[in-house]
Amino acid sequence: MSNRAVTPDTAVPDVPVSRATTFGPSALLTPANGITVLRLLATPVVIALIMLWGASWFTFVFGGLLAMSDGVDGWLARKQGTTRSGAFLDPLADKVVVLGALFALVAKGIVWWVPAVIIAVREVTMSVYRSVVGRRGVSIPARTTAKVKTLAQDLAIGLCLAPPLATHKVVLSTAIWVATALTVFTGGQYFLDGRRSARQRVADGPGISVRPVDGSSSAA
């Protein structure tokens, strides 16, 4: 066994070194944001494919890859560091993709316009609501049910684009209405969370922010 003394040059630090690839909260040009922006830019392509071909395997695969990219940019953000720009862009891209595809399906007569309008009203209303209460210093934490809601929306749209199911109106209608119900339900959850957070902020006094309790994701 070596009796060599441990010197400052040979000592092993106990504190792990932070990764050089980690981005700060104010970063803009990150891989996660790049994928999110690509998802936004690809939305008109999805709309055009639906309008031209309706339910087709090409549209189904393209839309599926677009939906999966949401998980990729989320994974990159958690690995390399979340940013304020990503917290804004990611939910925006989710809503643009879902609403764009939904209303293209409505225009093709594949989806009834009522659930599409309900989903659109909820998404826009909650975006405005979170923005308004956020300016007042009220934080509304993200919920796991919001991710389930987004998954249900993506799945419903995917079923509408799959050729074998294109003529199964009952299946498609059920999937769309389940997604709509989850969308409305999570909207109600966020509204109640906002009220509770506002009351807590008043009770704590001015200048004290409300700590998120359900996670830091921006999904809504």
Protein backbone atom coordinates (compact mmCIF):
# COMPACT_ATOMS: atom_id res chain seq x y z
CA MET A 1 0.00 0.00 0.00
CA SER A 2 1.37 3.41 -0.97
CA ASN A 3 2.29 5.85 1.83
CA ARG A 4 2.31 8.84 -0.50
CA ALA A 5 0.75 11.84 1.17
CA VAL A 6 -2.34 13.36 -0.31
CA THR A 7 -1.52 16.81 -1.65
CA PRO A 8 -3.83 19.49 -3.06
CA ASP A 9 -2.83 18.26 -6.53
CA THR A 10 -3.84 14.65 -5.85
CA ALA A 11 -6.89 15.18 -3.65
CA VAL A 12 -10.24 14.21 -5.17
CA PRO A 13 -12.93 16.88 -4.67
CA ASP A 14 -16.11 15.79 -2.94
CA VAL A 15 -18.28 18.30 -4.81
CA PRO A 16 -19.28 17.19 -8.33
CA VAL A 17 -18.23 19.49 -11.13
CA SER A 18 -21.15 21.03 -12.99
CA ARG A 19 -21.53 20.08 -16.62
CA ALA A 20 -20.15 22.53 -19.13
CA THR A 21 -23.18 21.93 -21.37
CA THR A 22 -25.71 23.15 -18.79
CA PHE A 23 -27.61 26.25 -19.91
CA GLY A 24 -28.72 29.03 -17.61
CA PRO A 25 -32.34 30.21 -17.23
CA SER A 26 -31.79 33.13 -19.61
CA ALA A 27 -30.32 31.07 -22.46
CA LEU A 28 -32.03 31.27 -25.85
CA LEU A 29 -29.99 29.21 -28.31
CA THR A 30 -30.34 25.74 -26.81
CA PRO A 31 -30.92 22.36 -28.52
CA ALA A 32 -34.25 22.02 -26.71
CA ASN A 33 -35.43 25.40 -27.98
CA GLY A 34 -34.23 24.51 -31.47
CA ILE A 35 -36.41 21.40 -31.55
CA THR A 36 -39.35 23.38 -30.19
CA VAL A 37 -38.98 26.02 -32.91
CA LEU A 38 -38.76 23.29 -35.56
CA ARG A 39 -42.01 21.86 -34.19
CA LEU A 40 -43.64 25.26 -34.61
CA LEU A 41 -42.32 25.64 -38.15
CA ALA A 42 -43.50 22.14 -39.08
CA THR A 43 -47.10 22.85 -38.04
CA PRO A 44 -48.10 24.38 -41.41
CA VAL A 45 -46.73 21.24 -43.09
CA VAL A 46 -48.98 19.02 -40.96
CA ILE A 47 -51.97 21.23 -41.75
CA ALA A 48 -51.19 21.08 -45.48
CA LEU A 49 -50.82 17.29 -45.40
CA ILE A 50 -54.17 16.89 -43.65
CA MET A 51 -55.88 19.24 -46.08
CA LEU A 52 -54.37 17.47 -49.10
CA TRP A 53 -54.53 13.80 -48.11
CA GLY A 54 -56.65 13.57 -44.97
CA ALA A 55 -55.92 10.27 -43.22
CA SER A 56 -52.73 8.81 -44.71
CA TRP A 57 -49.77 6.87 -43.41
CA PHE A 58 -47.35 9.63 -44.38
CA THR A 59 -49.34 12.22 -42.44
CA PHE A 60 -49.72 9.80 -39.52
CA VAL A 61 -45.96 9.16 -39.30
CA PHE A 62 -45.05 12.83 -39.78
CA GLY A 63 -47.51 13.89 -37.10
CA GLY A 64 -46.28 11.13 -34.78
CA LEU A 65 -42.68 12.28 -35.11
CA LEU A 66 -43.80 15.83 -34.41
CA ALA A 67 -45.60 14.72 -31.25
CA MET A 68 -42.60 12.67 -30.07
CA SER A 69 -40.30 15.66 -30.54
CA ASP A 70 -42.11 17.23 -27.59
CA GLY A 71 -40.68 14.53 -25.36
CA VAL A 72 -37.22 14.96 -26.88
CA ASP A 73 -37.00 18.69 -26.21
CA GLY A 74 -38.34 18.13 -22.69
CA TRP A 75 -35.63 15.52 -22.06
CA LEU A 76 -32.93 17.84 -23.39
CA ALA A 77 -34.21 20.70 -21.24
CA ARG A 78 -34.06 18.57 -18.10
CA LYS A 79 -30.59 17.28 -19.01
CA GLN A 80 -29.00 20.57 -20.07
CA GLY A 81 -30.97 23.06 -18.01
CA THR A 82 -34.42 24.59 -18.27
CA THR A 83 -34.80 28.12 -19.58
CA ARG A 84 -37.41 30.86 -19.37
CA SER A 85 -37.63 30.96 -23.16
CA GLY A 86 -38.25 27.21 -23.25
CA ALA A 87 -40.95 27.50 -20.60
CA PHE A 88 -42.74 29.91 -22.94
CA LEU A 89 -42.04 28.24 -26.29
CA ASP A 90 -42.77 24.61 -25.39
CA PRO A 91 -46.42 24.98 -24.33
CA LEU A 92 -46.95 27.45 -27.19
CA ALA A 93 -45.71 24.86 -29.69
CA ASP A 94 -47.92 22.18 -28.13
CA LYS A 95 -51.02 24.33 -28.51
CA VAL A 96 -50.20 25.49 -32.05
CA VAL A 97 -49.61 21.92 -33.26
CA VAL A 98 -52.74 20.49 -31.60
CA LEU A 99 -55.10 23.30 -32.59
CA GLY A 100 -53.71 23.51 -36.12
CA ALA A 101 -54.18 19.78 -36.68
CA LEU A 102 -57.61 19.75 -35.03
CA PHE A 103 -59.05 22.51 -37.17
CA ALA A 104 -57.55 20.98 -40.31
CA LEU A 105 -59.41 17.77 -39.39
CA VAL A 106 -62.56 19.84 -38.86
CA ALA A 107 -62.14 21.39 -42.30
CA LYS A 108 -61.82 17.91 -43.83
CA GLY A 109 -64.98 16.75 -42.08
CA ILE A 110 -63.14 14.14 -40.00
CA VAL A 111 -63.72 15.82 -36.62
CA TRP A 112 -66.84 17.65 -35.43
CA TRP A 113 -66.22 21.34 -34.82
CA VAL A 114 -67.74 21.45 -31.30
CA PRO A 115 -64.98 19.57 -29.39
CA ALA A 116 -62.34 21.42 -31.40
CA VAL A 117 -63.79 24.78 -30.35
CA ILE A 118 -64.06 23.66 -26.71
CA ILE A 119 -60.40 22.64 -26.70
CA ALA A 120 -59.36 25.89 -28.40
CA VAL A 121 -61.31 28.05 -25.94
CA ARG A 122 -59.81 26.21 -22.96
CA GLU A 123 -56.25 26.47 -24.27
CA VAL A 124 -56.48 30.18 -25.07
CA THR A 125 -58.35 30.99 -21.85
CA MET A 126 -55.85 29.20 -19.63
CA SER A 127 -52.88 30.79 -21.41
CA VAL A 128 -54.35 34.25 -20.80
CA TYR A 129 -55.29 33.34 -17.21
CA ARG A 130 -51.80 32.11 -16.32
CA SER A 131 -50.28 35.20 -17.90
CA VAL A 132 -52.56 37.56 -15.95
CA VAL A 133 -52.07 35.91 -12.56
CA GLY A 134 -48.36 35.52 -13.25
CA ARG A 135 -48.02 39.29 -13.58
CA ARG A 136 -49.54 39.54 -10.11
CA GLY A 137 -46.85 37.28 -8.73
CA VAL A 138 -49.03 34.16 -8.52
CA SER A 139 -47.40 30.92 -9.62
CA ILE A 140 -49.60 28.08 -10.90
CA PRO A 141 -47.60 24.84 -10.76
CA ALA A 142 -47.85 22.36 -13.61
CA ARG A 143 -49.76 19.13 -13.02
CA THR A 144 -49.16 15.61 -14.26
CA THR A 145 -52.73 15.60 -15.58
CA ALA A 146 -51.73 18.34 -18.03
CA LYS A 147 -49.21 15.96 -19.61
CA VAL A 148 -51.89 13.27 -19.74
CA LYS A 149 -54.19 15.78 -21.43
CA THR A 150 -51.59 16.58 -24.09
CA LEU A 151 -50.99 12.86 -24.65
CA ALA A 152 -54.74 12.27 -25.05
CA GLN A 153 -54.95 15.10 -27.59
CA ASP A 154 -52.01 13.73 -29.59
CA LEU A 155 -53.45 10.21 -29.48
CA ALA A 156 -56.88 11.38 -30.65
CA ILE A 157 -55.38 13.28 -33.56
CA GLY A 158 -53.16 10.31 -34.40
CA LEU A 159 -56.16 7.97 -34.53
CA CYS A 160 -57.90 10.38 -36.90
CA LEU A 161 -54.88 10.27 -39.22
CA ALA A 162 -54.50 6.47 -39.25
CA PRO A 163 -56.08 5.07 -42.47
CA PRO A 164 -57.48 1.86 -40.87
CA LEU A 165 -59.49 3.95 -38.38
CA ALA A 166 -60.54 6.77 -40.68
CA THR A 167 -64.01 5.30 -41.21
CA HIS A 168 -64.59 4.23 -37.58
CA LYS A 169 -66.54 7.29 -36.50
CA VAL A 170 -67.41 5.90 -33.05
CA VAL A 171 -63.76 5.26 -32.19
CA LEU A 172 -62.66 8.67 -33.43
CA SER A 173 -65.51 10.49 -31.72
CA THR A 174 -64.79 8.71 -28.43
CA ALA A 175 -61.09 9.58 -28.58
CA ILE A 176 -61.80 13.23 -29.36
CA TRP A 177 -64.36 13.59 -26.57
CA VAL A 178 -62.08 11.90 -24.02
CA ALA A 179 -59.35 14.39 -24.95
CA THR A 180 -61.87 17.22 -24.71
CA ALA A 181 -63.04 16.10 -21.26
CA LEU A 182 -59.45 15.92 -19.99
CA THR A 183 -58.76 19.34 -21.47
CA VAL A 184 -61.70 20.91 -19.66
CA PHE A 185 -60.93 19.03 -16.43
CA THR A 186 -57.31 20.21 -16.30
CA GLY A 187 -58.46 23.74 -17.07
CA GLY A 188 -60.67 23.62 -13.98
CA GLN A 189 -57.75 22.29 -11.93
CA TYR A 190 -55.53 25.18 -12.98
CA PHE A 191 -58.24 27.73 -12.23
CA LEU A 192 -58.66 26.36 -8.70
CA ASP A 193 -54.89 26.15 -8.24
CA GLY A 194 -54.63 29.81 -9.23
CA ARG A 195 -57.24 30.82 -6.66
CA ARG A 196 -55.51 28.84 -3.92
CA SER A 197 -52.12 30.29 -4.82
CA ALA A 198 -53.57 33.81 -4.83
CA ARG A 199 -55.11 33.31 -1.37
CA GLN A 200 -51.83 31.89 -0.08
CA ARG A 201 -49.93 34.88 -1.45
CA VAL A 202 -52.31 37.27 0.32
CA ALA A 203 -51.94 35.31 3.56
CA ASP A 204 -48.13 35.27 3.30
CA GLY A 205 -47.96 38.98 2.57
CA PRO A 206 -46.58 41.00 -0.36
CA GLY A 207 -43.21 40.17 -1.77
CA ILE A 208 -43.42 36.48 -0.95
CA SER A 209 -43.74 34.24 -3.95
CA VAL A 210 -45.72 31.03 -3.95
CA ARG A 211 -43.57 27.94 -4.22
CA PRO A 212 -44.74 25.43 -6.87
CA VAL A 213 -45.69 22.15 -5.25
CA ASP A 214 -46.44 19.91 -8.23
CA GLY A 215 -43.36 20.41 -10.37
CA SER A 216 -41.77 23.07 -12.52
CA SER A 217 -42.95 21.98 -15.93
CA SER A 218 -44.66 24.57 -18.09
CA ALA A 219 -47.21 22.14 -19.49
CA ALA A 220 -50.80 23.31 -19.17
